[in-house]
Amino acid sequence: MSNSKQEGTVKFFNSSKGFGFITDNDSKKDIFVHISGLVDDIRDGDHVMFETVNGKKGLNAINVALIQD
């Protein structure tokens, strides 16, 4: 589990299905995000701050919040 905040860009998020992916700015890896891990509503292309936890299939983003530009 990572307690440090990371930044990334929403690659895509399907609000009707409740999941999507965030591309991490540093590693360039795609990280799964479930609607339950959101602090703010997100859309494709949004810049976000998040934490990660280990899930069944890899890293999951939690505490996902918009970065105000």
Protein backbone atom coordinates (compact mmCIF):
# COMPACT_ATOMS: atom_id res chain seq x y z
CA MET A 1 0.00 0.00 0.00
CA SER A 2 1.23 3.48 -0.86
CA ASN A 3 0.29 6.40 1.36
CA SER A 4 2.05 8.96 -0.81
CA LYS A 5 -0.04 11.06 -3.14
CA GLN A 6 0.51 10.53 -6.83
CA GLU A 7 -0.63 12.58 -9.79
CA GLY A 8 -2.02 11.41 -13.08
CA THR A 9 -4.49 11.93 -15.90
CA VAL A 10 -7.81 10.14 -16.30
CA LYS A 11 -7.35 7.93 -19.38
CA PHE A 12 -11.03 7.04 -19.39
CA PHE A 13 -13.84 6.70 -16.89
CA ASN A 14 -17.21 5.07 -17.56
CA SER A 15 -19.58 6.46 -14.93
CA SER A 16 -22.41 4.08 -15.88
CA LYS A 17 -20.16 1.04 -15.35
CA GLY A 18 -18.37 2.68 -12.41
CA PHE A 19 -14.73 2.18 -13.38
CA GLY A 20 -11.88 3.46 -15.50
CA PHE A 21 -8.12 4.01 -15.61
CA ILE A 22 -5.72 6.75 -14.59
CA THR A 23 -2.30 7.10 -16.23
CA ASP A 24 0.31 7.79 -13.55
CA ASN A 25 2.43 10.84 -14.42
CA ASP A 26 5.69 9.29 -13.17
CA SER A 27 5.50 5.62 -14.18
CA LYS A 28 3.17 6.14 -17.19
CA LYS A 29 1.35 2.97 -16.06
CA ASP A 30 -2.43 2.70 -16.18
CA ILE A 31 -4.01 2.25 -12.75
CA PHE A 32 -7.52 0.89 -12.25
CA VAL A 33 -10.02 3.16 -10.50
CA HIS A 34 -13.45 2.11 -9.19
CA ILE A 35 -16.21 4.61 -8.52
CA SER A 36 -15.95 3.79 -4.80
CA GLY A 37 -12.41 5.24 -4.80
CA LEU A 38 -13.51 8.70 -5.95
CA VAL A 39 -13.59 11.84 -3.83
CA ASP A 40 -14.68 14.02 -6.80
CA ASP A 41 -16.52 13.23 -10.03
CA ILE A 42 -13.96 12.67 -12.79
CA ARG A 43 -13.99 12.78 -16.58
CA ASP A 44 -11.61 11.73 -19.33
CA GLY A 45 -8.58 14.02 -19.43
CA ASP A 46 -8.94 15.36 -15.86
CA HIS A 47 -5.77 15.86 -13.81
CA VAL A 48 -6.10 14.04 -10.50
CA MET A 49 -4.28 13.26 -7.26
CA PHE A 50 -4.64 9.77 -5.79
CA GLU A 51 -3.21 7.04 -3.59
CA THR A 52 -2.77 3.39 -4.55
CA VAL A 53 -3.52 0.07 -2.90
CA ASN A 54 -2.85 -3.47 -4.09
CA GLY A 55 -5.95 -5.08 -5.58
CA LYS A 56 -6.67 -8.55 -6.92
CA LYS A 57 -5.27 -7.70 -10.36
CA GLY A 58 -2.73 -4.99 -9.54
CA LEU A 59 -2.78 -1.44 -8.27
CA ASN A 60 -6.05 0.36 -7.59
CA ALA A 61 -6.39 4.12 -7.24
CA ILE A 62 -8.20 5.40 -4.13
CA ASN A 63 -8.98 8.85 -2.70
CA VAL A 64 -9.05 10.20 -6.25
CA ALA A 65 -9.50 13.98 -6.23
CA LEU A 66 -9.39 16.61 -8.97
CA ILE A 67 -6.40 18.93 -9.17
CA GLN A 68 -7.68 22.44 -9.78
CA ASP A 69 -5.71 24.00 -12.63
